[in-house]
């Protein structure tokens, strides 16, 4: 399976899972969320989407939370047993919350250069150094809003990450028509990681 196929399947899986009006479990503080896949946590969203897409995987085995070869305590979000095999980290870009209010920390989740923040940028470096024998990719599931378009954040990610690793982008895989009143549409963005840049390796 090629990376663009996976991105397409993930987008289709998001829409299929969403059609069942899934309701997230309450938060630790007891907050009740609205129905729709857009309100779910990152891990649960990916799990629901992959389960909904299983019939379209055509024999490709999908595993989640797979240990890194060089650090068993670190887990990779998705591993596809191809051929080709893929180790994939997934990040969620959701600028607005369930109540429509801005999430001021979300760009740190995507753009932070500090490994402690476990961002999409540092996931690229982590994969490039992982020791996985497979191909590697970073995927961002992004939600689009009229006042918060995805393009500026995605471009910022590419610019920062490209200083550290070599990226090969795929065209985005859109999704729309979701049932949540805030998280209605967006796209799955995917980049193959072609190794760390020499400037990073020598630093």
N, C-alpha and C. Protein backbone atom coordinates (compact mmCIF):
# COMPACT_ATOMS: atom_id res chain seq x y z
N UNK A 1 0.84 -1.19 0.00
CA UNK A 1 0.00 0.00 0.00
C UNK A 1 0.88 1.24 0.00
N UNK A 2 0.58 2.17 -0.88
CA UNK A 2 1.32 3.42 -0.92
C UNK A 2 0.71 4.42 0.08
N UNK A 3 1.49 5.43 0.41
CA UNK A 3 1.07 6.36 1.45
C UNK A 3 -0.20 7.10 1.07
N UNK A 4 -0.32 7.51 -0.19
CA UNK A 4 -1.54 8.22 -0.60
C UNK A 4 -2.77 7.33 -0.43
N UNK A 5 -2.63 6.04 -0.70
CA UNK A 5 -3.75 5.11 -0.49
C UNK A 5 -4.15 5.07 0.97
N UNK A 6 -3.15 5.04 1.85
CA UNK A 6 -3.45 5.02 3.29
C UNK A 6 -4.18 6.30 3.70
N UNK A 7 -3.72 7.45 3.21
CA UNK A 7 -4.37 8.71 3.55
C UNK A 7 -5.81 8.73 3.06
N UNK A 8 -6.04 8.23 1.84
CA UNK A 8 -7.40 8.15 1.32
C UNK A 8 -8.27 7.25 2.19
N UNK A 9 -7.73 6.09 2.58
CA UNK A 9 -8.49 5.16 3.41
C UNK A 9 -8.79 5.75 4.78
N UNK A 10 -7.83 6.49 5.32
CA UNK A 10 -8.06 7.10 6.63
C UNK A 10 -9.17 8.15 6.53
N UNK A 11 -9.16 8.96 5.47
CA UNK A 11 -10.22 9.95 5.28
C UNK A 11 -11.58 9.27 5.10
N UNK A 12 -11.61 8.21 4.30
CA UNK A 12 -12.87 7.47 4.11
C UNK A 12 -13.32 6.82 5.41
N UNK A 13 -12.36 6.30 6.18
CA UNK A 13 -12.69 5.68 7.46
C UNK A 13 -13.24 6.68 8.45
N UNK A 14 -12.72 7.90 8.44
CA UNK A 14 -13.25 8.95 9.32
C UNK A 14 -14.71 9.22 9.01
N UNK A 15 -15.05 9.31 7.72
CA UNK A 15 -16.44 9.58 7.33
C UNK A 15 -17.35 8.40 7.63
N UNK A 16 -16.84 7.18 7.41
CA UNK A 16 -17.66 5.99 7.69
C UNK A 16 -17.93 5.85 9.18
N UNK A 17 -16.90 6.02 9.98
CA UNK A 17 -17.07 5.92 11.44
C UNK A 17 -17.98 7.03 11.95
N UNK A 18 -17.85 8.21 11.37
CA UNK A 18 -18.66 9.35 11.80
C UNK A 18 -20.14 9.14 11.52
N UNK A 19 -20.45 8.39 10.47
CA UNK A 19 -21.86 8.16 10.10
C UNK A 19 -22.62 7.39 11.17
N UNK A 20 -21.90 6.77 12.11
CA UNK A 20 -22.53 6.04 13.21
C UNK A 20 -22.77 6.93 14.42
N UNK A 21 -22.48 8.21 14.30
CA UNK A 21 -22.66 9.19 15.37
C UNK A 21 -21.97 8.74 16.67
N UNK A 22 -20.66 8.45 16.60
CA UNK A 22 -19.97 7.96 17.82
C UNK A 22 -19.86 9.06 18.87
N UNK A 23 -20.13 8.71 20.10
CA UNK A 23 -20.07 9.66 21.21
C UNK A 23 -18.83 9.36 22.05
N UNK A 24 -17.95 10.34 22.24
CA UNK A 24 -16.75 10.11 23.06
C UNK A 24 -17.11 9.85 24.51
N UNK A 25 -16.27 9.12 25.23
CA UNK A 25 -16.51 8.98 26.67
C UNK A 25 -16.32 10.33 27.36
N UNK A 26 -16.97 10.53 28.51
CA UNK A 26 -16.80 11.80 29.24
C UNK A 26 -15.33 12.03 29.61
N UNK A 27 -14.97 13.30 29.75
CA UNK A 27 -13.60 13.63 30.16
C UNK A 27 -13.40 13.27 31.63
N UNK A 28 -12.18 13.39 32.09
CA UNK A 28 -11.87 13.09 33.49
C UNK A 28 -12.62 14.01 34.44
N UNK A 29 -12.96 15.20 33.95
CA UNK A 29 -13.70 16.14 34.78
C UNK A 29 -15.21 15.98 34.64
N UNK A 30 -15.64 15.01 33.83
CA UNK A 30 -17.06 14.76 33.66
C UNK A 30 -17.71 15.50 32.51
N UNK A 31 -16.92 16.19 31.70
CA UNK A 31 -17.47 16.91 30.55
C UNK A 31 -18.07 15.93 29.54
N UNK A 32 -19.30 16.20 29.08
CA UNK A 32 -19.96 15.36 28.08
C UNK A 32 -19.77 16.02 26.71
N UNK A 33 -19.26 15.23 25.76
CA UNK A 33 -18.98 15.75 24.43
C UNK A 33 -20.12 15.45 23.46
N UNK A 34 -20.18 16.23 22.39
CA UNK A 34 -21.18 16.02 21.36
C UNK A 34 -20.80 14.83 20.47
N UNK A 35 -21.80 14.26 19.81
CA UNK A 35 -21.56 13.12 18.94
C UNK A 35 -20.77 13.54 17.71
N UNK A 36 -20.02 12.59 17.17
CA UNK A 36 -19.24 12.83 15.97
C UNK A 36 -17.79 12.47 16.18
N UNK A 37 -17.15 11.94 15.15
CA UNK A 37 -15.77 11.49 15.30
C UNK A 37 -14.83 12.65 15.60
N UNK A 38 -15.20 13.87 15.18
CA UNK A 38 -14.34 15.02 15.41
C UNK A 38 -14.14 15.39 16.86
N UNK A 39 -14.97 14.87 17.75
CA UNK A 39 -14.85 15.18 19.18
C UNK A 39 -13.98 14.18 19.93
N UNK A 40 -13.56 13.12 19.25
CA UNK A 40 -12.81 12.06 19.92
C UNK A 40 -11.34 12.42 20.08
N UNK A 41 -10.68 11.71 20.99
CA UNK A 41 -9.24 11.88 21.17
C UNK A 41 -8.50 11.40 19.93
N UNK A 42 -7.26 11.83 19.81
CA UNK A 42 -6.45 11.45 18.64
C UNK A 42 -6.36 9.93 18.48
N UNK A 43 -5.99 9.22 19.54
CA UNK A 43 -5.84 7.77 19.45
C UNK A 43 -7.15 7.08 19.10
N UNK A 44 -8.24 7.52 19.76
CA UNK A 44 -9.53 6.88 19.52
C UNK A 44 -10.05 7.20 18.13
N UNK A 45 -9.81 8.40 17.65
CA UNK A 45 -10.22 8.78 16.30
C UNK A 45 -9.55 7.89 15.25
N UNK A 46 -8.25 7.70 15.39
CA UNK A 46 -7.51 6.85 14.45
C UNK A 46 -8.02 5.41 14.53
N UNK A 47 -8.24 4.93 15.74
CA UNK A 47 -8.74 3.56 15.92
C UNK A 47 -10.10 3.36 15.25
N UNK A 48 -11.01 4.31 15.45
CA UNK A 48 -12.33 4.21 14.83
C UNK A 48 -12.24 4.26 13.32
N UNK A 49 -11.40 5.15 12.79
CA UNK A 49 -11.26 5.28 11.35
C UNK A 49 -10.66 4.03 10.72
N UNK A 50 -9.64 3.47 11.37
CA UNK A 50 -9.01 2.27 10.83
C UNK A 50 -9.95 1.07 10.88
N UNK A 51 -10.71 0.96 11.96
CA UNK A 51 -11.68 -0.13 12.05
C UNK A 51 -12.73 -0.02 10.96
N UNK A 52 -13.17 1.21 10.67
CA UNK A 52 -14.18 1.41 9.63
C UNK A 52 -13.61 1.13 8.24
N UNK A 53 -12.29 1.27 8.08
CA UNK A 53 -11.66 1.10 6.77
C UNK A 53 -11.13 -0.31 6.55
N UNK A 54 -11.32 -1.22 7.50
CA UNK A 54 -10.70 -2.55 7.42
C UNK A 54 -11.04 -3.30 6.14
N UNK A 55 -12.29 -3.21 5.69
CA UNK A 55 -12.70 -3.96 4.52
C UNK A 55 -11.99 -3.49 3.25
N UNK A 56 -11.44 -2.28 3.29
CA UNK A 56 -10.77 -1.73 2.11
C UNK A 56 -9.25 -1.90 2.17
N UNK A 57 -8.75 -2.54 3.19
CA UNK A 57 -7.30 -2.66 3.34
C UNK A 57 -6.70 -3.77 2.48
N UNK A 58 -7.54 -4.62 1.91
CA UNK A 58 -7.09 -5.64 0.95
C UNK A 58 -5.94 -6.49 1.47
N UNK A 59 -6.10 -7.00 2.66
CA UNK A 59 -5.11 -7.92 3.21
C UNK A 59 -3.93 -7.29 3.91
N UNK A 60 -3.82 -5.97 3.89
CA UNK A 60 -2.73 -5.29 4.60
C UNK A 60 -3.02 -5.35 6.10
N UNK A 61 -2.07 -5.84 6.88
CA UNK A 61 -2.23 -5.92 8.32
C UNK A 61 -1.88 -4.59 8.96
N UNK A 62 -2.77 -4.12 9.84
CA UNK A 62 -2.57 -2.85 10.52
C UNK A 62 -2.40 -3.10 12.01
N UNK A 63 -1.34 -2.58 12.57
CA UNK A 63 -1.11 -2.66 14.01
C UNK A 63 -0.96 -1.24 14.55
N UNK A 64 -1.38 -1.05 15.79
CA UNK A 64 -1.23 0.25 16.45
C UNK A 64 -0.41 0.09 17.72
N UNK A 65 0.19 1.22 18.14
CA UNK A 65 1.00 1.25 19.36
C UNK A 65 2.12 0.22 19.30
N UNK A 66 2.89 0.24 18.21
CA UNK A 66 3.99 -0.70 17.99
C UNK A 66 5.28 -0.13 18.57
N UNK A 67 6.02 -0.90 19.39
CA UNK A 67 7.25 -0.37 20.00
C UNK A 67 8.30 -0.02 18.96
N UNK A 68 9.04 1.05 19.22
CA UNK A 68 10.17 1.42 18.38
C UNK A 68 11.31 0.42 18.58
N UNK A 69 12.03 0.09 17.51
CA UNK A 69 13.12 -0.90 17.64
C UNK A 69 14.19 -0.49 18.65
N UNK A 70 14.49 0.81 18.73
CA UNK A 70 15.59 1.27 19.57
C UNK A 70 15.13 1.78 20.93
N UNK A 71 13.82 1.75 21.18
CA UNK A 71 13.30 2.17 22.48
C UNK A 71 11.91 1.59 22.65
N UNK A 72 11.82 0.47 23.32
CA UNK A 72 10.55 -0.26 23.41
C UNK A 72 9.47 0.50 24.18
N UNK A 73 9.87 1.48 24.98
CA UNK A 73 8.85 2.23 25.73
C UNK A 73 8.16 3.27 24.86
N UNK A 74 8.75 3.59 23.70
CA UNK A 74 8.13 4.54 22.77
C UNK A 74 7.32 3.75 21.75
N UNK A 75 6.08 4.17 21.52
CA UNK A 75 5.19 3.43 20.63
C UNK A 75 4.89 4.24 19.37
N UNK A 76 4.87 3.53 18.24
CA UNK A 76 4.51 4.14 16.96
C UNK A 76 3.00 4.00 16.78
N UNK A 77 2.36 5.05 16.29
CA UNK A 77 0.90 5.07 16.21
C UNK A 77 0.34 3.96 15.32
N UNK A 78 0.88 3.82 14.11
CA UNK A 78 0.35 2.86 13.15
C UNK A 78 1.50 2.17 12.42
N UNK A 79 1.39 0.85 12.26
CA UNK A 79 2.36 0.11 11.46
C UNK A 79 1.60 -0.73 10.44
N UNK A 80 1.92 -0.53 9.17
CA UNK A 80 1.28 -1.28 8.08
C UNK A 80 2.23 -2.36 7.61
N UNK A 81 1.74 -3.59 7.60
CA UNK A 81 2.51 -4.71 7.09
C UNK A 81 2.15 -4.90 5.63
N UNK A 82 2.93 -4.31 4.74
CA UNK A 82 2.63 -4.18 3.31
C UNK A 82 2.68 -5.46 2.51
N UNK A 83 3.44 -5.55 1.44
CA UNK A 83 4.49 -4.58 1.11
C UNK A 83 3.95 -3.35 0.40
N UNK A 84 4.66 -2.19 0.54
CA UNK A 84 5.77 -1.98 1.48
C UNK A 84 5.24 -1.77 2.89
N UNK A 85 6.11 -2.04 3.88
CA UNK A 85 5.76 -1.75 5.27
C UNK A 85 5.89 -0.26 5.53
N UNK A 86 5.06 0.23 6.46
CA UNK A 86 5.10 1.64 6.83
C UNK A 86 5.02 1.79 8.35
N UNK A 87 5.89 2.63 8.90
CA UNK A 87 5.77 3.10 10.28
C UNK A 87 5.25 4.53 10.20
N UNK A 88 4.10 4.78 10.84
CA UNK A 88 3.40 6.06 10.65
C UNK A 88 3.05 6.67 12.01
N UNK A 89 3.43 7.92 12.17
CA UNK A 89 2.98 8.70 13.32
C UNK A 89 1.85 9.62 12.86
N UNK A 90 0.83 9.77 13.71
CA UNK A 90 -0.35 10.56 13.37
C UNK A 90 -0.52 11.68 14.39
N UNK A 91 -0.79 12.87 13.89
CA UNK A 91 -1.08 14.00 14.77
C UNK A 91 -2.40 14.63 14.35
N UNK A 92 -3.11 15.19 15.33
CA UNK A 92 -4.42 15.80 15.13
C UNK A 92 -4.29 17.32 15.21
N UNK A 93 -4.75 18.00 14.16
CA UNK A 93 -4.76 19.47 14.12
C UNK A 93 -6.21 19.92 14.20
N UNK A 94 -6.64 20.25 15.41
CA UNK A 94 -8.04 20.61 15.69
C UNK A 94 -8.03 21.93 16.45
N UNK A 95 -8.14 23.02 15.70
CA UNK A 95 -7.96 24.36 16.28
C UNK A 95 -9.09 24.75 17.24
N UNK A 96 -10.29 24.24 17.00
CA UNK A 96 -11.43 24.55 17.85
C UNK A 96 -11.85 23.32 18.64
N UNK A 97 -12.34 23.55 19.86
CA UNK A 97 -12.78 22.46 20.70
C UNK A 97 -14.22 22.08 20.44
N UNK A 98 -14.71 21.14 21.22
CA UNK A 98 -16.08 20.65 21.09
C UNK A 98 -17.10 21.78 21.22
N UNK A 99 -16.76 22.78 22.01
CA UNK A 99 -17.67 23.91 22.26
C UNK A 99 -17.44 25.08 21.29
N UNK A 100 -16.55 24.90 20.33
CA UNK A 100 -16.28 25.95 19.35
C UNK A 100 -15.26 26.97 19.80
N UNK A 101 -14.70 26.82 20.99
CA UNK A 101 -13.70 27.77 21.48
C UNK A 101 -12.30 27.35 21.02
N UNK A 102 -11.41 28.32 20.75
CA UNK A 102 -10.07 27.99 20.26
C UNK A 102 -9.25 27.18 21.27
N UNK A 103 -8.51 26.24 20.75
CA UNK A 103 -7.53 25.49 21.53
C UNK A 103 -6.18 26.14 21.30
N UNK A 104 -5.71 26.91 22.26
CA UNK A 104 -4.51 27.72 22.07
C UNK A 104 -3.22 26.90 22.07
N UNK A 105 -3.28 25.64 22.49
CA UNK A 105 -2.06 24.82 22.56
C UNK A 105 -1.85 23.93 21.34
N UNK A 106 -2.79 23.91 20.41
CA UNK A 106 -2.74 22.90 19.36
C UNK A 106 -1.55 23.10 18.42
N UNK A 107 -1.15 24.33 18.15
CA UNK A 107 -0.02 24.53 17.24
C UNK A 107 1.29 24.02 17.85
N UNK A 108 1.42 24.07 19.17
CA UNK A 108 2.57 23.46 19.82
C UNK A 108 2.61 21.96 19.53
N UNK A 109 1.44 21.33 19.48
CA UNK A 109 1.30 19.90 19.20
C UNK A 109 1.79 19.56 17.79
N UNK A 110 1.78 20.55 16.90
CA UNK A 110 2.20 20.34 15.52
C UNK A 110 3.60 20.87 15.28
N UNK A 111 3.94 22.06 15.78
CA UNK A 111 5.13 22.79 15.35
C UNK A 111 6.28 22.83 16.33
N UNK A 112 6.08 22.42 17.56
CA UNK A 112 7.15 22.57 18.54
C UNK A 112 8.43 21.83 18.13
N UNK A 113 9.59 22.49 18.29
CA UNK A 113 10.86 21.82 17.99
C UNK A 113 11.42 21.03 19.17
N UNK A 114 10.72 21.04 20.30
CA UNK A 114 11.22 20.40 21.51
C UNK A 114 10.64 18.99 21.66
N UNK A 115 11.52 18.01 21.85
CA UNK A 115 11.09 16.61 21.90
C UNK A 115 10.11 16.36 23.04
N UNK A 116 10.22 17.16 24.12
CA UNK A 116 9.32 16.95 25.26
C UNK A 116 7.86 17.21 24.89
N UNK A 117 7.62 18.00 23.84
CA UNK A 117 6.25 18.31 23.43
C UNK A 117 5.65 17.27 22.51
N UNK A 118 6.46 16.34 22.02
CA UNK A 118 5.97 15.23 21.18
C UNK A 118 5.11 15.74 20.02
N UNK A 119 5.66 16.68 19.29
CA UNK A 119 4.94 17.32 18.20
C UNK A 119 5.11 16.55 16.89
N UNK A 120 4.39 16.99 15.87
CA UNK A 120 4.55 16.40 14.54
C UNK A 120 5.98 16.61 14.04
N UNK A 121 6.55 17.78 14.33
CA UNK A 121 7.93 18.05 13.91
C UNK A 121 8.90 17.07 14.55
N UNK A 122 8.81 16.89 15.87
CA UNK A 122 9.76 15.99 16.53
C UNK A 122 9.47 14.53 16.23
N UNK A 123 8.23 14.21 15.88
CA UNK A 123 7.92 12.84 15.44
C UNK A 123 8.67 12.51 14.15
N UNK A 124 8.87 13.49 13.28
CA UNK A 124 9.62 13.26 12.04
C UNK A 124 11.05 12.83 12.35
N UNK A 125 11.68 13.55 13.28
CA UNK A 125 13.04 13.21 13.67
C UNK A 125 13.08 11.85 14.36
N UNK A 126 12.10 11.61 15.22
CA UNK A 126 12.02 10.34 15.94
C UNK A 126 11.93 9.16 14.97
N UNK A 127 11.11 9.30 13.94
CA UNK A 127 10.98 8.23 12.94
C UNK A 127 12.27 8.07 12.13
N UNK A 128 12.91 9.18 11.76
CA UNK A 128 14.13 9.11 10.97
C UNK A 128 15.25 8.39 11.72
N UNK A 129 15.20 8.44 13.05
CA UNK A 129 16.21 7.79 13.88
C UNK A 129 15.72 6.48 14.50
N UNK A 130 14.55 6.01 14.09
CA UNK A 130 13.85 4.94 14.80
C UNK A 130 14.48 3.57 14.68
N UNK A 131 15.12 3.28 13.57
CA UNK A 131 15.59 1.93 13.31
C UNK A 131 14.55 1.03 12.69
N UNK A 132 13.35 1.55 12.43
CA UNK A 132 12.35 0.73 11.73
C UNK A 132 12.88 0.37 10.34
N UNK A 133 12.78 -0.90 9.92
CA UNK A 133 13.24 -1.29 8.59
C UNK A 133 12.29 -0.87 7.48
N UNK A 134 11.15 -0.35 7.86
CA UNK A 134 10.11 0.03 6.91
C UNK A 134 10.32 1.45 6.39
N UNK A 135 9.46 1.86 5.47
CA UNK A 135 9.35 3.26 5.13
C UNK A 135 8.64 3.98 6.28
N UNK A 136 8.84 5.28 6.37
CA UNK A 136 8.28 6.04 7.49
C UNK A 136 7.50 7.25 6.99
N UNK A 137 6.48 7.63 7.76
CA UNK A 137 5.64 8.76 7.34
C UNK A 137 5.05 9.46 8.55
N UNK A 138 4.76 10.74 8.34
CA UNK A 138 4.01 11.53 9.31
C UNK A 138 2.68 11.90 8.68
N UNK A 139 1.60 11.77 9.44
CA UNK A 139 0.25 12.07 8.95
C UNK A 139 -0.38 13.07 9.90
N UNK A 140 -1.04 14.08 9.34
CA UNK A 140 -1.79 15.05 10.13
C UNK A 140 -3.25 14.99 9.71
N UNK A 141 -4.13 14.74 10.67
CA UNK A 141 -5.57 14.84 10.44
C UNK A 141 -5.98 16.25 10.85
N UNK A 142 -6.37 17.05 9.87
CA UNK A 142 -6.67 18.44 10.14
C UNK A 142 -8.13 18.78 9.92
N UNK A 143 -8.68 19.60 10.82
CA UNK A 143 -10.06 20.07 10.67
C UNK A 143 -10.05 21.52 10.20
N UNK A 144 -10.91 21.82 9.24
CA UNK A 144 -10.97 23.12 8.58
C UNK A 144 -12.13 23.94 9.14
N UNK A 145 -11.87 25.23 9.36
CA UNK A 145 -12.91 26.16 9.82
C UNK A 145 -12.77 27.46 9.00
N UNK A 146 -13.87 28.17 8.76
CA UNK A 146 -13.78 29.40 7.96
C UNK A 146 -12.76 30.40 8.50
N UNK A 147 -12.72 30.54 9.82
CA UNK A 147 -11.82 31.53 10.42
C UNK A 147 -10.44 30.97 10.74
N UNK A 148 -10.28 29.65 10.60
CA UNK A 148 -9.00 28.99 10.90
C UNK A 148 -8.67 28.01 9.78
N UNK A 149 -8.26 28.47 8.61
CA UNK A 149 -7.93 27.56 7.51
C UNK A 149 -6.70 26.73 7.83
N UNK A 150 -6.62 25.55 7.25
CA UNK A 150 -5.53 24.62 7.52
C UNK A 150 -4.22 25.01 6.84
N UNK A 151 -4.30 25.63 5.69
CA UNK A 151 -3.11 25.84 4.85
C UNK A 151 -1.95 26.52 5.58
N UNK A 152 -2.16 27.61 6.32
CA UNK A 152 -1.01 28.25 6.97
C UNK A 152 -0.29 27.34 7.97
N UNK A 153 -1.05 26.57 8.74
CA UNK A 153 -0.44 25.68 9.73
C UNK A 153 0.31 24.53 9.04
N UNK A 154 -0.26 23.99 7.98
CA UNK A 154 0.40 22.90 7.25
C UNK A 154 1.69 23.40 6.61
N UNK A 155 1.65 24.59 6.02
CA UNK A 155 2.86 25.15 5.41
C UNK A 155 3.93 25.42 6.46
N UNK A 156 3.52 25.90 7.63
CA UNK A 156 4.48 26.14 8.70
C UNK A 156 5.12 24.83 9.15
N UNK A 157 4.32 23.79 9.27
CA UNK A 157 4.88 22.48 9.62
C UNK A 157 5.92 22.04 8.59
N UNK A 158 5.58 22.13 7.32
CA UNK A 158 6.50 21.69 6.27
C UNK A 158 7.83 22.45 6.33
N UNK A 159 7.75 23.75 6.55
CA UNK A 159 8.97 24.56 6.58
C UNK A 159 9.86 24.19 7.76
N UNK A 160 9.27 24.01 8.93
CA UNK A 160 10.06 23.67 10.11
C UNK A 160 10.61 22.25 9.99
N UNK A 161 9.74 21.30 9.65
CA UNK A 161 10.18 19.90 9.57
C UNK A 161 11.21 19.68 8.48
N UNK A 162 11.11 20.43 7.38
CA UNK A 162 12.04 20.26 6.26
C UNK A 162 13.45 20.71 6.59
N UNK A 163 13.62 21.48 7.66
CA UNK A 163 14.97 21.82 8.11
C UNK A 163 15.65 20.63 8.79
N UNK A 164 14.86 19.66 9.22
CA UNK A 164 15.38 18.54 10.00
C UNK A 164 15.39 17.22 9.24
N UNK A 165 14.38 17.02 8.39
CA UNK A 165 14.27 15.76 7.64
C UNK A 165 13.88 16.07 6.20
N UNK A 166 14.11 15.11 5.33
CA UNK A 166 13.67 15.22 3.94
C UNK A 166 12.24 14.67 3.85
N UNK A 167 11.33 15.48 3.33
CA UNK A 167 9.93 15.11 3.24
C UNK A 167 9.49 14.96 1.80
N UNK A 168 8.64 13.97 1.54
CA UNK A 168 7.98 13.82 0.25
C UNK A 168 6.47 13.89 0.50
N UNK A 169 5.81 14.99 0.10
CA UNK A 169 4.38 15.14 0.42
C UNK A 169 3.48 14.38 -0.55
N UNK A 170 2.31 14.02 -0.04
CA UNK A 170 1.21 13.52 -0.87
C UNK A 170 0.17 14.64 -0.97
N UNK A 171 -0.63 14.61 -1.99
CA UNK A 171 -1.74 15.55 -2.04
C UNK A 171 -2.74 15.20 -0.95
N UNK A 172 -3.38 16.20 -0.34
CA UNK A 172 -4.29 15.93 0.79
C UNK A 172 -5.51 15.11 0.39
N UNK A 173 -6.03 14.34 1.35
CA UNK A 173 -7.22 13.52 1.15
C UNK A 173 -8.35 14.15 1.97
N UNK A 174 -9.31 14.82 1.33
CA UNK A 174 -10.34 15.56 2.07
C UNK A 174 -11.41 14.65 2.66
N UNK A 175 -12.05 15.15 3.70
CA UNK A 175 -13.25 14.52 4.25
C UNK A 175 -14.23 15.63 4.59
N UNK A 176 -15.52 15.32 4.56
CA UNK A 176 -16.54 16.35 4.78
C UNK A 176 -17.85 15.69 5.20
N UNK A 177 -18.83 16.55 5.51
CA UNK A 177 -20.16 16.06 5.86
C UNK A 177 -20.24 15.39 7.21
N UNK A 178 -19.34 15.73 8.13
CA UNK A 178 -19.35 15.10 9.45
C UNK A 178 -20.48 15.66 10.31
N UNK A 179 -20.91 14.88 11.30
CA UNK A 179 -22.11 15.22 12.05
C UNK A 179 -21.87 16.24 13.17
N UNK A 180 -20.62 16.40 13.61
CA UNK A 180 -20.33 17.33 14.69
C UNK A 180 -20.57 18.76 14.22
N UNK A 181 -21.19 19.62 15.04
CA UNK A 181 -21.49 20.99 14.59
C UNK A 181 -20.27 21.87 14.40
N UNK A 182 -19.13 21.49 14.99
CA UNK A 182 -17.90 22.28 14.85
C UNK A 182 -16.89 21.58 13.94
N UNK A 183 -16.66 20.30 14.19
CA UNK A 183 -15.69 19.52 13.42
C UNK A 183 -16.40 18.89 12.21
N UNK A 184 -16.60 19.68 11.17
CA UNK A 184 -17.44 19.25 10.05
C UNK A 184 -16.65 18.72 8.85
N UNK A 185 -15.44 19.23 8.65
CA UNK A 185 -14.70 18.87 7.45
C UNK A 185 -13.21 19.10 7.67
N UNK A 186 -12.43 18.56 6.76
CA UNK A 186 -10.98 18.73 6.86
C UNK A 186 -10.27 17.88 5.83
N UNK A 187 -9.06 17.47 6.17
CA UNK A 187 -8.27 16.68 5.23
C UNK A 187 -7.21 15.91 5.99
N UNK A 188 -6.78 14.81 5.38
CA UNK A 188 -5.65 14.02 5.88
C UNK A 188 -4.44 14.39 5.04
N UNK A 189 -3.39 14.87 5.69
CA UNK A 189 -2.14 15.23 5.04
C UNK A 189 -1.08 14.18 5.38
N UNK A 190 -0.27 13.80 4.41
CA UNK A 190 0.73 12.76 4.65
C UNK A 190 2.03 13.10 3.94
N UNK A 191 3.13 12.81 4.62
CA UNK A 191 4.47 13.02 4.06
C UNK A 191 5.32 11.79 4.34
N UNK A 192 6.01 11.28 3.34
CA UNK A 192 7.01 10.26 3.58
C UNK A 192 8.28 10.93 4.10
N UNK A 193 8.91 10.32 5.08
CA UNK A 193 10.15 10.82 5.65
C UNK A 193 11.30 10.05 5.02
N UNK A 194 12.16 10.79 4.33
CA UNK A 194 13.24 10.17 3.56
C UNK A 194 14.59 10.30 4.25
N UNK A 195 14.57 10.36 5.56
CA UNK A 195 15.79 10.43 6.34
C UNK A 195 16.06 11.82 6.89
N UNK A 196 16.93 11.87 7.89
CA UNK A 196 17.31 13.14 8.51
C UNK A 196 18.26 13.90 7.60
N UNK A 197 18.19 15.21 7.64
CA UNK A 197 19.11 16.04 6.86
C UNK A 197 20.49 16.01 7.50
N UNK A 198 21.53 16.17 6.68
CA UNK A 198 22.89 16.08 7.17
C UNK A 198 23.19 17.18 8.19
N UNK A 199 22.56 18.36 8.04
CA UNK A 199 22.78 19.44 8.98
C UNK A 199 22.29 19.06 10.37
N UNK A 200 21.21 18.23 10.42
CA UNK A 200 20.71 17.76 11.71
C UNK A 200 21.63 16.68 12.28
N UNK A 201 22.05 15.76 11.41
CA UNK A 201 22.87 14.64 11.88
C UNK A 201 24.22 15.10 12.42
N UNK A 202 24.72 16.22 11.90
CA UNK A 202 26.04 16.69 12.33
C UNK A 202 25.98 17.63 13.51
N UNK A 203 24.77 17.99 13.95
CA UNK A 203 24.64 18.98 15.04
C UNK A 203 24.76 18.30 16.38
